[in-house]
Protein backbone atom coordinates (compact mmCIF):
# COMPACT_ATOMS: atom_id res chain seq x y z
CA MET A 1 2.09 -78.47 0.50
CA PRO A 2 -1.27 -76.62 0.34
CA LEU A 3 -2.09 -74.19 3.16
CA LYS A 4 -4.93 -75.10 5.46
CA PRO A 5 -7.73 -72.57 5.93
CA PRO A 6 -7.74 -70.94 9.38
CA GLY A 7 -9.75 -72.76 11.95
CA PRO A 8 -12.62 -71.25 13.97
CA LEU A 9 -10.33 -70.38 16.89
CA THR A 10 -7.87 -68.46 14.67
CA ALA A 11 -10.66 -66.48 13.00
CA LEU A 12 -12.11 -65.55 16.39
CA CYS A 13 -8.71 -64.23 17.60
CA LEU A 14 -8.31 -62.07 14.49
CA ALA A 15 -11.77 -60.57 14.96
CA LEU A 16 -11.00 -59.70 18.58
CA VAL A 17 -7.74 -57.97 17.60
CA LEU A 18 -9.44 -55.83 14.95
CA THR A 19 -12.36 -54.77 17.12
CA SER A 20 -10.17 -53.93 20.11
CA SER A 21 -7.63 -51.77 18.19
CA PRO A 22 -7.51 -48.06 19.22
CA ALA A 23 -9.59 -45.49 17.36
CA TRP A 24 -6.55 -43.84 15.79
CA ALA A 25 -5.59 -47.10 14.12
CA ARG A 26 -8.98 -47.36 12.40
CA GLU A 27 -9.18 -43.72 11.21
CA PRO A 28 -8.22 -43.01 7.59
CA ILE A 29 -5.03 -41.03 7.06
CA ARG A 30 -5.84 -37.44 6.14
CA SER A 31 -3.91 -35.40 3.65
CA PRO A 32 -2.54 -32.02 4.84
CA ALA A 33 -5.27 -30.25 2.88
CA ASP A 34 -7.98 -32.13 4.86
CA ARG A 35 -6.57 -31.35 8.29
CA PRO A 36 -8.07 -28.44 10.23
CA ILE A 37 -5.84 -25.36 10.46
CA SER A 38 -5.24 -24.08 13.97
CA ARG A 39 -4.99 -20.30 14.39
CA PRO A 40 -2.29 -18.74 16.54
CA ALA A 41 -3.32 -17.88 20.07
CA GLY A 42 -4.78 -14.41 20.44
CA ILE A 43 -5.72 -13.94 16.76
CA THR A 44 -9.46 -13.95 16.25
CA GLU A 45 -9.92 -11.65 13.27
CA PRO A 46 -9.86 -12.68 9.60
CA MET A 47 -6.51 -12.38 7.87
CA GLY A 48 -7.70 -11.19 4.48
CA PRO A 49 -7.74 -7.61 3.17
CA PRO A 50 -9.83 -5.60 5.65
CA THR A 51 -11.27 -2.93 3.41
CA PRO A 52 -11.22 -2.79 -0.39
CA PRO A 53 -9.30 0.29 -1.54
CA PRO A 54 -10.99 2.87 -3.73
CA PRO A 55 -10.44 2.03 -7.41
CA GLU A 56 -8.47 5.24 -7.91
CA ALA A 57 -6.06 4.57 -5.03
CA VAL A 58 -3.00 3.58 -7.05
CA VAL A 59 -1.36 6.33 -9.06
CA PRO A 60 -0.28 5.68 -12.66
CA ALA A 61 3.31 6.67 -13.34
CA GLU A 62 2.24 9.31 -15.87
CA LEU A 63 -0.28 12.04 -15.16
CA GLY A 64 -1.52 11.60 -18.72
CA ASP A 65 -2.79 8.14 -17.75
CA LEU A 66 -5.37 9.74 -15.45
CA PRO A 67 -8.82 10.93 -16.50
CA ALA A 68 -8.99 14.65 -17.31
CA GLU A 69 -10.80 15.45 -14.06
CA GLU A 70 -8.17 13.63 -12.00
CA ARG A 71 -5.32 15.34 -13.86
CA ALA A 72 -6.74 18.71 -12.90
CA LYS A 73 -7.09 17.68 -9.24
CA TYR A 74 -3.67 16.11 -8.79
CA ARG A 75 -1.35 18.04 -6.46
CA LEU A 76 2.40 17.77 -6.84
CA HIS A 77 4.53 16.23 -4.11
CA PRO A 78 8.27 16.09 -3.42
CA GLY A 79 9.76 13.49 -5.75
CA ASP A 80 7.39 14.16 -8.66
CA THR A 81 9.09 15.00 -11.97
CA ILE A 82 7.78 17.74 -14.27
CA MET A 83 8.81 19.04 -17.69
CA ILE A 84 8.69 22.82 -18.25
CA SER A 85 9.07 24.48 -21.63
CA VAL A 86 8.53 27.95 -23.09
CA TRP A 87 7.50 28.32 -26.73
CA ARG A 88 10.26 29.70 -28.97
CA GLU A 89 12.71 29.68 -26.06
CA GLN A 90 14.81 26.55 -26.47
CA GLU A 91 17.06 27.40 -23.52
CA LEU A 92 14.00 27.52 -21.26
CA THR A 93 13.22 23.81 -21.40
CA LEU A 94 13.84 21.86 -18.23
CA GLU A 95 12.90 18.53 -16.68
CA THR A 96 13.18 18.71 -12.91
CA SER A 97 12.05 16.91 -9.76
CA VAL A 98 10.25 18.55 -6.89
CA ARG A 99 12.77 18.89 -4.07
CA PRO A 100 12.14 17.55 -0.54
CA ASP A 101 11.35 21.13 0.54
CA GLY A 102 8.61 21.28 -2.13
CA GLY A 103 10.39 23.69 -4.45
CA ILE A 104 11.91 23.77 -7.94
CA SER A 105 14.25 26.18 -9.69
CA PHE A 106 13.67 27.50 -13.22
CA PRO A 107 15.79 29.94 -15.25
CA LEU A 108 14.64 33.57 -14.89
CA ALA A 109 11.75 32.50 -12.63
CA GLY A 110 13.99 31.48 -9.73
CA ASP A 111 12.80 29.25 -6.89
CA ILE A 112 9.11 28.36 -6.86
CA HIS A 113 7.28 26.35 -4.20
CA VAL A 114 5.17 23.86 -6.17
CA ALA A 115 4.31 21.13 -3.65
CA GLY A 116 0.55 21.13 -3.15
CA LEU A 117 -0.09 22.93 -6.46
CA SER A 118 -1.69 21.54 -9.60
CA VAL A 119 0.22 21.48 -12.88
CA GLU A 120 -1.90 24.37 -14.15
CA GLU A 121 -1.16 26.47 -11.07
CA VAL A 122 2.57 25.86 -11.54
CA ARG A 123 2.28 26.92 -15.19
CA GLN A 124 0.55 30.14 -14.19
CA GLN A 125 3.18 31.00 -11.57
CA ILE A 126 6.07 30.45 -13.97
CA ALA A 127 4.39 32.45 -16.73
CA LYS A 128 3.76 35.35 -14.36
CA ARG A 129 7.41 35.49 -13.31
CA LEU A 130 8.66 35.27 -16.90
CA GLU A 131 6.54 38.23 -18.02
CA GLU A 132 9.25 40.51 -16.69
CA PHE A 133 11.66 39.11 -19.29
CA ILE A 134 9.48 37.66 -22.11
CA PRO A 135 6.34 39.32 -23.53
CA ASP A 136 3.31 37.02 -23.21
CA PRO A 137 5.30 33.83 -22.50
CA GLU A 138 3.59 30.60 -23.52
CA VAL A 139 4.55 28.12 -20.83
CA ALA A 140 3.81 24.39 -20.85
CA VAL A 141 4.15 22.17 -17.78
CA ILE A 142 3.81 18.39 -18.01
CA ALA A 143 4.03 15.91 -15.13
CA ARG A 144 6.42 13.13 -16.15
CA GLN A 145 6.66 10.83 -13.15
CA LEU A 146 4.37 10.88 -10.13
CA LEU A 147 6.65 9.35 -7.54
CA GLY A 148 6.26 11.75 -4.64
CA ASN A 149 2.84 10.77 -3.31
CA VAL A 150 3.77 7.38 -1.87
CA VAL A 151 3.17 5.47 1.34
CA TYR A 152 5.03 2.42 2.60
CA VAL A 153 3.54 -0.76 4.06
CA VAL A 154 6.12 -3.07 5.62
CA GLY A 155 6.18 -6.19 7.77
CA ARG A 156 3.74 -9.09 7.72
CA VAL A 157 1.61 -8.22 4.71
CA ALA A 158 1.22 -10.09 1.44
CA ARG A 159 3.00 -7.46 -0.69
CA PRO A 160 5.19 -5.15 1.41
CA GLY A 161 6.67 -2.17 -0.35
CA GLU A 162 6.19 1.34 -1.67
CA PHE A 163 2.77 2.31 -3.02
CA PRO A 164 2.08 5.49 -5.02
CA ILE A 165 -1.41 6.74 -4.22
CA ARG A 166 -3.73 9.57 -5.04
CA GLY A 167 -6.81 10.81 -3.30
CA ARG A 168 -7.69 9.94 0.29
CA VAL A 169 -6.39 6.59 1.54
CA ASP A 170 -6.65 5.48 5.17
CA VAL A 171 -4.76 2.78 7.06
CA LEU A 172 -7.22 -0.05 6.36
CA GLN A 173 -7.22 0.78 2.67
CA ALA A 174 -3.41 0.84 2.58
CA LEU A 175 -3.38 -2.64 4.14
CA ALA A 176 -5.76 -3.80 1.42
CA ILE A 177 -3.55 -2.30 -1.29
CA ALA A 178 -0.65 -4.29 0.19
CA GLY A 179 -2.67 -7.51 -0.13
CA GLY A 180 -3.80 -7.81 3.49
CA THR A 181 -1.99 -9.14 6.54
CA THR A 182 -0.39 -12.57 6.78
CA THR A 183 -1.31 -15.32 9.23
CA PHE A 184 1.04 -14.45 12.08
CA ALA A 185 0.69 -10.65 11.94
CA ASP A 186 0.18 -8.94 15.30
CA LEU A 187 -3.02 -7.14 14.37
CA ASP A 188 -3.25 -5.15 17.59
CA ASP A 189 0.24 -3.66 17.64
CA MET A 190 0.57 -1.89 14.29
CA ARG A 191 2.27 1.50 13.99
CA ILE A 192 2.21 4.38 11.52
CA LEU A 193 5.47 6.32 11.31
CA ARG A 194 5.15 9.95 10.23
CA ARG A 195 7.61 12.84 9.95
CA ASP A 196 6.61 16.41 10.69
CA ALA A 197 7.76 19.51 8.79
CA GLU A 198 11.02 19.54 10.79
CA GLY A 199 11.76 15.91 9.92
CA VAL A 200 11.02 14.60 13.42
CA GLN A 201 9.44 11.15 13.27
CA LYS A 202 6.62 10.00 15.54
CA ALA A 203 4.77 6.69 15.89
CA LEU A 204 0.96 6.51 15.83
CA GLU A 205 -0.81 3.46 17.26
CA PHE A 206 -3.23 1.36 15.24
CA ASP A 207 -5.30 -1.43 16.83
CA TYR A 208 -6.82 -3.41 13.97
CA SER A 209 -9.24 -5.38 16.16
CA ASP A 210 -10.77 -2.21 17.59
CA VAL A 211 -11.15 -0.50 14.23
CA VAL A 212 -12.83 -3.43 12.46
CA ARG A 213 -15.30 -3.61 15.36
CA GLY A 214 -16.15 0.05 14.92
CA LYS A 215 -14.25 1.19 18.02
CA ARG A 216 -11.63 3.96 18.24
CA LEU A 217 -12.10 4.80 14.58
CA ASP A 218 -9.93 7.88 15.05
CA GLN A 219 -6.97 5.50 14.67
CA ASN A 220 -7.89 4.84 11.03
CA ILE A 221 -6.25 8.06 9.91
CA LEU A 222 -5.83 9.34 6.38
CA LEU A 223 -2.26 8.67 5.33
CA GLN A 224 0.10 11.41 4.21
CA PRO A 225 2.88 11.12 1.61
CA GLY A 226 5.87 9.39 3.19
CA ASP A 227 3.91 7.62 5.94
CA THR A 228 5.05 4.08 6.80
CA VAL A 229 2.57 1.47 8.06
CA ILE A 230 4.35 -1.23 10.11
CA VAL A 231 2.70 -4.62 10.62
CA PRO A 232 4.78 -6.62 13.16
């Protein structure tokens, strides 16, 4: 039996239903990508990397990977590994790491404090001490692994971890090296942990919002080897 077309009264009822439906029923369904993203309460600053790090911030594993000028400037730190050899003296060849106290030991030369010295300065010190035992010693010193000059960035950053650095790197630049903060990071309650010469650790405050507004810039300190930046 064929269906009858709707009469005028039926069509009028359908029109009234459609025009009186709530606004949400007439809105198109948005995909998650189209929906606005709400920011957590209290966070008003951008989440991306705050300050681009200097291009020379990350240290290559080998000193030979650095330009000649940078090789001459590099200062050894605890944890760095160096190779020492003396020409025609096979028994005076040694690969050693700089101890936590900044020193190394070498046959005949004894203990030498090398932290803070360049490779050339270390070579000169060893050669001077060996002169007592070897006429005109020809000493070579090569940096093998530069692992001592590191800082740590942990917590709510894109790439938390250990970062070898060289040169002068401040807190904002370290955050940039770590990929910037994540969405729910507490930007105003960061801490920098630092140990003094006696091994006592202290916490330094860092208020991101103040620093990026140009206030209390003394908080944006230059980091020292072993410092840990905590982003809660």
